[in-house]
N, C-alpha and C. Protein backbone atom coordinates (compact mmCIF):
# COMPACT_ATOMS: atom_id res chain seq x y z
N MET A 1 -34.32 163.70 -11.77
CA MET A 1 -34.51 162.28 -11.72
C MET A 1 -33.88 161.47 -10.82
N ALA A 2 -32.93 162.14 -10.26
CA ALA A 2 -31.95 161.48 -9.16
C ALA A 2 -32.68 161.41 -7.74
N ASP A 3 -33.61 162.29 -7.62
CA ASP A 3 -34.25 162.37 -6.43
C ASP A 3 -35.63 161.88 -6.55
N ILE A 4 -35.90 161.15 -7.57
CA ILE A 4 -37.35 160.36 -7.57
C ILE A 4 -37.64 159.62 -6.42
N GLY A 5 -36.70 158.90 -5.90
CA GLY A 5 -36.84 158.10 -4.75
C GLY A 5 -37.25 158.91 -3.70
N LEU A 6 -36.75 159.98 -3.48
CA LEU A 6 -37.08 160.86 -2.33
C LEU A 6 -38.65 161.39 -2.38
N PHE A 7 -39.07 161.66 -3.74
CA PHE A 7 -40.46 162.14 -3.81
C PHE A 7 -41.24 161.06 -3.59
N GLY A 8 -40.94 159.76 -3.88
CA GLY A 8 -41.72 158.61 -3.45
C GLY A 8 -41.85 158.43 -1.96
N LEU A 9 -40.67 158.53 -1.35
CA LEU A 9 -40.76 158.34 0.06
C LEU A 9 -41.48 159.46 0.70
N ILE A 10 -41.43 160.78 0.19
CA ILE A 10 -42.25 161.80 0.89
C ILE A 10 -43.54 161.53 0.65
N ASN A 11 -44.04 161.26 -0.63
CA ASN A 11 -45.49 160.93 -0.86
C ASN A 11 -45.88 159.85 0.10
N GLU A 12 -45.32 158.99 0.36
CA GLU A 12 -45.83 157.68 1.26
C GLU A 12 -45.83 158.41 2.58
N TYR A 13 -44.96 159.12 3.09
CA TYR A 13 -44.87 159.69 4.52
C TYR A 13 -46.11 160.62 4.69
N SER A 14 -46.48 161.46 3.64
CA SER A 14 -47.60 162.27 3.50
C SER A 14 -48.81 161.39 3.70
N HIS A 15 -49.03 160.28 2.99
CA HIS A 15 -50.16 159.48 3.06
C HIS A 15 -50.38 158.81 4.49
N PHE A 16 -49.08 158.45 5.01
CA PHE A 16 -49.12 157.88 6.32
C PHE A 16 -49.57 158.94 7.41
N ILE A 17 -49.24 160.13 7.33
CA ILE A 17 -49.70 161.17 8.13
C ILE A 17 -51.08 161.39 8.02
N GLU A 18 -51.55 161.55 6.69
CA GLU A 18 -53.10 161.74 6.49
C GLU A 18 -53.85 160.77 7.06
N GLN A 19 -53.38 159.69 7.09
CA GLN A 19 -54.26 158.47 7.71
C GLN A 19 -54.40 158.58 9.22
N GLY A 20 -53.83 159.47 9.81
CA GLY A 20 -53.85 159.79 11.32
C GLY A 20 -52.81 159.18 12.04
N ASN A 21 -51.87 158.67 11.28
CA ASN A 21 -50.50 158.02 11.96
C ASN A 21 -49.51 159.15 12.34
N TYR A 22 -48.58 158.71 13.20
CA TYR A 22 -47.67 159.87 13.72
C TYR A 22 -46.30 159.26 13.51
N LEU A 23 -45.21 160.05 12.87
CA LEU A 23 -43.99 159.56 12.86
C LEU A 23 -43.06 160.83 13.06
N ASP A 24 -42.21 160.79 14.06
CA ASP A 24 -41.49 162.10 14.27
C ASP A 24 -40.68 162.38 12.99
N PHE A 25 -40.51 163.64 12.70
CA PHE A 25 -40.10 164.10 11.49
C PHE A 25 -38.55 163.81 11.44
N ASN A 26 -37.80 163.80 12.51
CA ASN A 26 -36.44 163.46 12.54
C ASN A 26 -36.13 162.00 12.16
N ILE A 27 -37.13 161.17 12.54
CA ILE A 27 -36.92 159.67 12.17
C ILE A 27 -37.44 159.59 10.65
N ALA A 28 -38.43 160.29 10.05
CA ALA A 28 -38.82 160.29 8.70
C ALA A 28 -37.52 160.85 7.94
N LYS A 29 -36.91 161.95 8.37
CA LYS A 29 -35.66 162.45 7.76
C LYS A 29 -34.66 161.44 7.63
N TYR A 30 -34.17 160.77 8.77
CA TYR A 30 -33.42 159.57 8.71
C TYR A 30 -33.62 158.54 7.53
N ILE A 31 -35.06 158.19 7.69
CA ILE A 31 -35.38 157.14 6.55
C ILE A 31 -35.19 157.68 5.27
N PHE A 32 -35.67 158.96 4.86
CA PHE A 32 -35.40 159.38 3.73
C PHE A 32 -34.03 159.33 3.33
N GLN A 33 -33.05 160.01 4.13
CA GLN A 33 -31.69 159.83 3.72
C GLN A 33 -31.02 158.54 3.55
N GLU A 34 -31.45 157.53 4.29
CA GLU A 34 -30.84 156.23 4.07
C GLU A 34 -31.57 155.42 3.10
N ASN A 35 -32.69 155.78 2.46
CA ASN A 35 -33.32 154.99 1.54
C ASN A 35 -33.55 155.60 0.18
N CYS A 36 -33.17 156.86 0.15
CA CYS A 36 -33.52 157.62 -1.07
C CYS A 36 -32.74 157.00 -2.33
N ALA A 37 -31.62 156.77 -2.22
CA ALA A 37 -30.68 156.11 -3.24
C ALA A 37 -31.19 154.75 -3.79
N LEU A 38 -31.57 154.12 -2.93
CA LEU A 38 -32.25 152.64 -3.14
C LEU A 38 -33.69 152.78 -3.87
N ALA A 39 -34.30 153.77 -3.37
CA ALA A 39 -35.68 153.87 -3.96
C ALA A 39 -35.55 154.44 -5.34
N SER A 40 -34.69 155.36 -5.70
CA SER A 40 -34.31 155.86 -6.85
C SER A 40 -33.94 154.79 -7.73
N LYS A 41 -33.01 153.95 -7.33
CA LYS A 41 -32.58 152.90 -8.04
C LYS A 41 -33.66 151.95 -8.61
N ILE A 42 -34.57 151.71 -7.66
CA ILE A 42 -35.68 150.78 -7.83
C ILE A 42 -36.62 151.43 -8.97
N VAL A 43 -36.98 152.67 -8.84
CA VAL A 43 -37.88 153.32 -9.70
C VAL A 43 -37.16 153.33 -11.06
N LEU A 44 -35.94 154.00 -11.14
CA LEU A 44 -35.38 154.04 -12.49
C LEU A 44 -35.08 152.57 -13.17
N SER A 45 -34.92 151.65 -12.44
CA SER A 45 -34.73 150.35 -12.97
C SER A 45 -36.07 149.98 -13.53
N GLN A 46 -37.14 150.03 -12.88
CA GLN A 46 -38.48 149.57 -13.25
C GLN A 46 -38.80 150.56 -14.50
N TRP A 47 -38.43 151.68 -14.72
CA TRP A 47 -38.89 152.69 -15.89
C TRP A 47 -37.96 152.37 -17.10
N GLY A 48 -36.92 151.55 -16.72
CA GLY A 48 -36.04 151.13 -17.94
C GLY A 48 -34.78 151.79 -18.31
N PHE A 49 -34.28 152.59 -17.31
CA PHE A 49 -33.12 153.44 -17.49
C PHE A 49 -31.99 152.50 -17.29
N ASP A 50 -31.02 152.75 -18.20
CA ASP A 50 -29.75 151.99 -18.24
C ASP A 50 -28.94 152.09 -16.88
N SER A 51 -27.96 151.14 -16.61
CA SER A 51 -27.31 151.06 -15.55
C SER A 51 -26.28 152.36 -15.27
N ASP A 52 -25.87 152.83 -16.40
CA ASP A 52 -24.90 154.00 -16.32
C ASP A 52 -25.78 155.32 -15.73
N TYR A 53 -26.89 155.35 -16.28
CA TYR A 53 -27.69 156.56 -15.71
C TYR A 53 -27.97 156.47 -14.29
N ILE A 54 -28.52 155.10 -13.93
CA ILE A 54 -28.78 154.83 -12.66
C ILE A 54 -27.58 154.94 -11.59
N ALA A 55 -26.42 154.64 -12.14
CA ALA A 55 -25.29 155.00 -11.35
C ALA A 55 -25.01 156.19 -11.04
N VAL A 56 -24.97 157.20 -11.90
CA VAL A 56 -24.78 158.53 -11.86
C VAL A 56 -25.81 159.22 -11.05
N ALA A 57 -27.18 158.81 -11.07
CA ALA A 57 -28.35 159.33 -10.40
C ALA A 57 -28.32 158.87 -9.12
N THR A 58 -27.83 157.68 -8.61
CA THR A 58 -27.84 157.23 -7.29
C THR A 58 -26.49 157.51 -6.62
N ASN A 59 -25.46 157.80 -7.37
CA ASN A 59 -24.17 158.23 -6.84
C ASN A 59 -23.62 157.13 -5.69
N PRO A 60 -23.53 155.84 -6.05
CA PRO A 60 -23.20 154.83 -4.99
C PRO A 60 -21.66 155.04 -4.56
N ILE A 61 -21.44 154.63 -3.39
CA ILE A 61 -20.10 154.67 -2.89
C ILE A 61 -19.45 153.43 -3.44
N THR A 62 -18.21 153.54 -4.18
CA THR A 62 -17.67 152.36 -4.60
C THR A 62 -16.39 152.24 -3.80
N THR A 63 -16.19 150.95 -3.41
CA THR A 63 -14.95 150.55 -2.72
C THR A 63 -13.85 150.04 -3.69
N ASN A 64 -14.04 149.44 -4.69
CA ASN A 64 -13.08 148.99 -5.68
C ASN A 64 -13.32 149.84 -6.93
N HIS A 65 -12.11 150.14 -7.40
CA HIS A 65 -11.94 150.93 -8.73
C HIS A 65 -11.52 150.11 -9.79
N ASP A 66 -12.23 150.11 -10.85
CA ASP A 66 -11.91 149.35 -12.03
C ASP A 66 -10.90 150.31 -12.90
N SER A 67 -10.34 149.86 -13.79
CA SER A 67 -9.44 150.65 -14.45
C SER A 67 -10.23 151.33 -15.67
N ASP A 68 -11.48 150.83 -15.94
CA ASP A 68 -12.19 151.48 -16.85
C ASP A 68 -12.79 152.80 -16.25
N ILE A 69 -12.96 153.75 -17.11
CA ILE A 69 -13.62 155.03 -16.61
C ILE A 69 -15.22 154.86 -16.92
N SER A 70 -16.06 154.94 -15.92
CA SER A 70 -17.47 154.97 -16.00
C SER A 70 -18.03 156.43 -16.15
N TYR A 71 -19.32 156.22 -16.46
CA TYR A 71 -20.15 157.58 -16.61
C TYR A 71 -20.03 158.15 -15.03
N LEU A 72 -20.05 157.36 -14.14
CA LEU A 72 -20.16 157.76 -12.68
C LEU A 72 -18.85 158.47 -12.45
N THR A 73 -17.77 157.89 -12.73
CA THR A 73 -16.42 158.62 -12.65
C THR A 73 -16.30 160.15 -13.32
N ILE A 74 -16.78 160.07 -14.58
CA ILE A 74 -16.86 161.19 -15.24
C ILE A 74 -17.69 162.34 -14.46
N ALA A 75 -18.83 161.96 -14.03
CA ALA A 75 -19.82 162.88 -13.44
C ALA A 75 -19.19 163.38 -12.18
N ARG A 76 -18.41 162.50 -11.42
CA ARG A 76 -17.89 163.01 -10.23
C ARG A 76 -16.75 163.85 -10.54
N MET A 77 -15.86 163.58 -11.49
CA MET A 77 -14.91 164.58 -11.87
C MET A 77 -15.37 165.77 -12.37
N THR A 78 -16.41 165.85 -13.17
CA THR A 78 -17.23 167.19 -13.59
C THR A 78 -17.63 167.89 -12.36
N HIS A 79 -18.20 167.38 -11.40
CA HIS A 79 -18.75 167.80 -10.33
C HIS A 79 -17.57 168.64 -9.44
N HIS A 80 -16.41 168.05 -9.55
CA HIS A 80 -15.23 168.60 -8.72
C HIS A 80 -14.84 169.71 -9.40
N PHE A 81 -14.66 169.55 -10.86
CA PHE A 81 -14.16 170.78 -11.45
C PHE A 81 -15.09 171.90 -11.50
N LEU A 82 -16.34 171.75 -11.38
CA LEU A 82 -17.17 172.97 -11.34
C LEU A 82 -17.34 173.61 -9.89
N LEU A 83 -16.86 172.77 -8.97
CA LEU A 83 -16.96 173.36 -7.60
C LEU A 83 -15.68 174.31 -7.59
N PHE A 84 -14.59 174.03 -8.17
CA PHE A 84 -13.35 174.94 -7.98
C PHE A 84 -13.33 176.08 -9.26
N LYS A 85 -14.33 176.11 -10.08
CA LYS A 85 -14.41 177.00 -11.21
C LYS A 85 -14.36 178.41 -10.74
N ASN A 86 -13.68 179.28 -11.08
CA ASN A 86 -13.70 180.59 -10.73
C ASN A 86 -14.60 181.31 -11.62
């Protein structure tokens, strides 16, 4: 579900190419990378997912840290623990 925005972007790119248009794949790749999280956020919001799920799915960069622990913080901690599991 986290990459639902990427699937949408790739689908649109495919339609764009099928219509006889051209877009260099490196440019398309850059667009995918820069807009995937935003597209996922929009789709998941429209589908009614709650803000905690959307935050974990889109993994936004946070500059300020609240004292409260969020689902996103827990997901990040779990990811780090799993990376170093032997």
